[in-house]
Amino acid sequence: MTASAAPGPDAPGPGPDLAPGPPERPVATPQERRRLAEETRTEKYVWWSLGYFFFGIHIVAFVMIYAVTHTR
């Protein structure tokens, strides 16, 4: 008869957990920092432009509503 394939309590385990920890944060090069800064400026510019666009659309809408309600 053969012994069962299941390891007993005295059997050695699979060993220490060799899973890698969180990766180290890479150091940003000056070119990457410059690109990120430019990207941030561009993003702010896009949001400001979008805000002015929506503000302008509302002004146009109010003027059109005023014109339609004051026609004879």
N, C-alpha and C. Protein backbone atom coordinates (compact mmCIF):
# COMPACT_ATOMS: atom_id res chain seq x y z
N MET A 1 0.86 -1.17 0.00
CA MET A 1 0.00 0.00 0.00
C MET A 1 0.89 1.23 0.00
N THR A 2 0.39 2.24 -0.65
CA THR A 2 1.16 3.48 -0.71
C THR A 2 0.56 4.49 0.25
N ALA A 3 1.40 5.39 0.69
CA ALA A 3 0.94 6.44 1.60
C ALA A 3 0.12 7.44 0.81
N SER A 4 -0.74 8.15 1.50
CA SER A 4 -1.58 9.13 0.80
C SER A 4 -0.72 10.27 0.28
N ALA A 5 -1.19 10.94 -0.76
CA ALA A 5 -0.43 12.01 -1.39
C ALA A 5 -0.51 13.32 -0.62
N ALA A 6 -1.44 13.44 0.29
CA ALA A 6 -1.60 14.68 1.05
C ALA A 6 -0.46 14.81 2.06
N PRO A 7 0.17 15.98 2.14
CA PRO A 7 1.25 16.15 3.11
C PRO A 7 0.71 16.20 4.53
N GLY A 8 1.45 15.69 5.43
CA GLY A 8 1.06 15.69 6.83
C GLY A 8 1.47 17.00 7.50
N PRO A 9 1.20 17.12 8.79
CA PRO A 9 1.51 18.37 9.48
C PRO A 9 3.03 18.60 9.60
N ASP A 10 3.84 17.54 9.51
CA ASP A 10 5.29 17.71 9.62
C ASP A 10 5.95 17.93 8.27
N ALA A 11 5.19 17.88 7.19
CA ALA A 11 5.76 18.03 5.85
C ALA A 11 6.15 19.50 5.64
N PRO A 12 7.24 19.73 4.93
CA PRO A 12 7.63 21.12 4.67
C PRO A 12 6.63 21.80 3.75
N GLY A 13 6.40 23.06 4.02
CA GLY A 13 5.45 23.84 3.22
C GLY A 13 6.06 24.27 1.91
N PRO A 14 5.34 25.04 1.15
CA PRO A 14 5.84 25.45 -0.16
C PRO A 14 7.00 26.44 -0.06
N GLY A 15 7.31 26.92 1.10
CA GLY A 15 8.43 27.84 1.26
C GLY A 15 7.92 29.26 1.55
N PRO A 16 8.85 30.16 1.70
CA PRO A 16 8.43 31.53 2.01
C PRO A 16 7.72 32.16 0.81
N ASP A 17 6.84 33.10 1.11
CA ASP A 17 6.10 33.80 0.06
C ASP A 17 7.06 34.75 -0.65
N LEU A 18 7.32 34.46 -1.90
CA LEU A 18 8.27 35.28 -2.67
C LEU A 18 7.55 36.25 -3.59
N ALA A 19 6.31 36.58 -3.26
CA ALA A 19 5.56 37.53 -4.09
C ALA A 19 6.23 38.91 -3.97
N PRO A 20 6.39 39.59 -5.09
CA PRO A 20 7.03 40.91 -5.04
C PRO A 20 6.12 41.92 -4.34
N GLY A 21 6.73 42.83 -3.65
CA GLY A 21 6.00 43.89 -2.99
C GLY A 21 5.59 44.94 -4.00
N PRO A 22 5.07 46.05 -3.53
CA PRO A 22 4.69 47.11 -4.47
C PRO A 22 5.92 47.63 -5.20
N PRO A 23 5.78 47.95 -6.47
CA PRO A 23 6.95 48.43 -7.21
C PRO A 23 7.42 49.77 -6.68
N GLU A 24 8.70 49.98 -6.75
CA GLU A 24 9.23 51.25 -6.29
C GLU A 24 8.83 52.34 -7.26
N ARG A 25 8.58 53.52 -6.72
CA ARG A 25 8.17 54.62 -7.57
C ARG A 25 9.37 55.14 -8.35
N PRO A 26 9.26 55.16 -9.68
CA PRO A 26 10.40 55.63 -10.47
C PRO A 26 10.61 57.13 -10.30
N VAL A 27 11.83 57.53 -10.39
CA VAL A 27 12.17 58.95 -10.28
C VAL A 27 11.89 59.59 -11.63
N ALA A 28 11.13 60.69 -11.60
CA ALA A 28 10.78 61.37 -12.85
C ALA A 28 11.97 62.16 -13.37
N THR A 29 12.21 62.03 -14.64
CA THR A 29 13.29 62.78 -15.26
C THR A 29 12.81 64.21 -15.51
N PRO A 30 13.72 65.15 -15.73
CA PRO A 30 13.30 66.53 -15.99
C PRO A 30 12.37 66.65 -17.20
N GLN A 31 12.60 65.81 -18.22
CA GLN A 31 11.73 65.86 -19.39
C GLN A 31 10.30 65.42 -19.03
N GLU A 32 10.20 64.39 -18.19
CA GLU A 32 8.87 63.93 -17.77
C GLU A 32 8.18 64.98 -16.93
N ARG A 33 8.93 65.62 -16.03
CA ARG A 33 8.34 66.68 -15.20
C ARG A 33 7.85 67.83 -16.06
N ARG A 34 8.64 68.20 -17.06
CA ARG A 34 8.26 69.29 -17.96
C ARG A 34 7.00 68.92 -18.75
N ARG A 35 6.94 67.66 -19.22
CA ARG A 35 5.77 67.21 -19.97
C ARG A 35 4.52 67.20 -19.09
N LEU A 36 4.67 66.74 -17.84
CA LEU A 36 3.53 66.73 -16.93
C LEU A 36 3.06 68.13 -16.61
N ALA A 37 3.99 69.06 -16.43
CA ALA A 37 3.60 70.45 -16.16
C ALA A 37 2.87 71.04 -17.36
N GLU A 38 3.37 70.76 -18.56
CA GLU A 38 2.70 71.27 -19.77
C GLU A 38 1.32 70.64 -19.92
N GLU A 39 1.20 69.36 -19.60
CA GLU A 39 -0.08 68.69 -19.68
C GLU A 39 -1.08 69.31 -18.70
N THR A 40 -0.61 69.67 -17.50
CA THR A 40 -1.49 70.29 -16.51
C THR A 40 -1.95 71.66 -17.00
N ARG A 41 -1.03 72.44 -17.57
CA ARG A 41 -1.41 73.75 -18.11
C ARG A 41 -2.42 73.59 -19.23
N THR A 42 -2.20 72.63 -20.10
CA THR A 42 -3.12 72.41 -21.22
C THR A 42 -4.50 72.00 -20.72
N GLU A 43 -4.51 71.14 -19.70
CA GLU A 43 -5.79 70.70 -19.15
C GLU A 43 -6.55 71.87 -18.53
N LYS A 44 -5.84 72.74 -17.81
CA LYS A 44 -6.49 73.92 -17.24
C LYS A 44 -7.05 74.81 -18.34
N TYR A 45 -6.28 74.98 -19.42
CA TYR A 45 -6.72 75.80 -20.54
C TYR A 45 -7.99 75.23 -21.16
N VAL A 46 -8.06 73.91 -21.28
CA VAL A 46 -9.25 73.26 -21.85
C VAL A 46 -10.46 73.50 -20.96
N TRP A 47 -10.29 73.35 -19.65
CA TRP A 47 -11.42 73.55 -18.74
C TRP A 47 -11.90 75.00 -18.75
N TRP A 48 -10.96 75.96 -18.78
CA TRP A 48 -11.35 77.37 -18.84
C TRP A 48 -12.08 77.66 -20.14
N SER A 49 -11.59 77.12 -21.25
CA SER A 49 -12.24 77.33 -22.54
C SER A 49 -13.66 76.74 -22.53
N LEU A 50 -13.80 75.56 -21.96
CA LEU A 50 -15.11 74.93 -21.88
C LEU A 50 -16.06 75.77 -21.02
N GLY A 51 -15.53 76.31 -19.92
CA GLY A 51 -16.35 77.17 -19.06
C GLY A 51 -16.81 78.42 -19.79
N TYR A 52 -15.91 79.10 -20.51
CA TYR A 52 -16.30 80.28 -21.27
C TYR A 52 -17.31 79.92 -22.35
N PHE A 53 -17.14 78.78 -23.00
CA PHE A 53 -18.07 78.35 -24.03
C PHE A 53 -19.49 78.20 -23.46
N PHE A 54 -19.60 77.48 -22.33
CA PHE A 54 -20.92 77.28 -21.73
C PHE A 54 -21.52 78.60 -21.24
N PHE A 55 -20.69 79.47 -20.69
CA PHE A 55 -21.17 80.77 -20.26
C PHE A 55 -21.72 81.53 -21.47
N GLY A 56 -20.99 81.52 -22.58
CA GLY A 56 -21.44 82.21 -23.79
C GLY A 56 -22.72 81.62 -24.34
N ILE A 57 -22.85 80.31 -24.30
CA ILE A 57 -24.08 79.67 -24.78
C ILE A 57 -25.27 80.14 -23.96
N HIS A 58 -25.09 80.28 -22.66
CA HIS A 58 -26.19 80.75 -21.82
C HIS A 58 -26.55 82.20 -22.14
N ILE A 59 -25.56 83.04 -22.36
CA ILE A 59 -25.84 84.43 -22.72
C ILE A 59 -26.66 84.47 -24.01
N VAL A 60 -26.23 83.71 -25.01
CA VAL A 60 -26.96 83.67 -26.29
C VAL A 60 -28.38 83.16 -26.07
N ALA A 61 -28.54 82.14 -25.26
CA ALA A 61 -29.87 81.59 -25.00
C ALA A 61 -30.76 82.62 -24.32
N PHE A 62 -30.24 83.36 -23.34
CA PHE A 62 -31.04 84.37 -22.65
C PHE A 62 -31.44 85.49 -23.59
N VAL A 63 -30.53 85.91 -24.45
CA VAL A 63 -30.85 86.95 -25.43
C VAL A 63 -31.93 86.46 -26.39
N MET A 64 -31.83 85.21 -26.82
CA MET A 64 -32.85 84.68 -27.73
C MET A 64 -34.20 84.56 -27.03
N ILE A 65 -34.21 84.12 -25.79
CA ILE A 65 -35.46 84.03 -25.03
C ILE A 65 -36.06 85.41 -24.88
N TYR A 66 -35.23 86.40 -24.56
CA TYR A 66 -35.71 87.78 -24.43
C TYR A 66 -36.29 88.26 -25.75
N ALA A 67 -35.62 88.01 -26.85
CA ALA A 67 -36.09 88.46 -28.16
C ALA A 67 -37.42 87.79 -28.52
N VAL A 68 -37.55 86.51 -28.26
CA VAL A 68 -38.79 85.80 -28.61
C VAL A 68 -39.95 86.29 -27.74
N THR A 69 -39.71 86.54 -26.46
CA THR A 69 -40.81 86.95 -25.58
C THR A 69 -41.19 88.40 -25.77
N HIS A 70 -40.37 89.21 -26.47
CA HIS A 70 -40.69 90.62 -26.64
C HIS A 70 -41.02 90.98 -28.09
N THR A 71 -41.37 89.98 -28.88
CA THR A 71 -41.80 90.27 -30.25
C THR A 71 -43.28 90.57 -30.26
N ARG A 72 -43.75 91.29 -31.28
CA ARG A 72 -45.19 91.58 -31.38
C ARG A 72 -45.77 90.88 -32.55
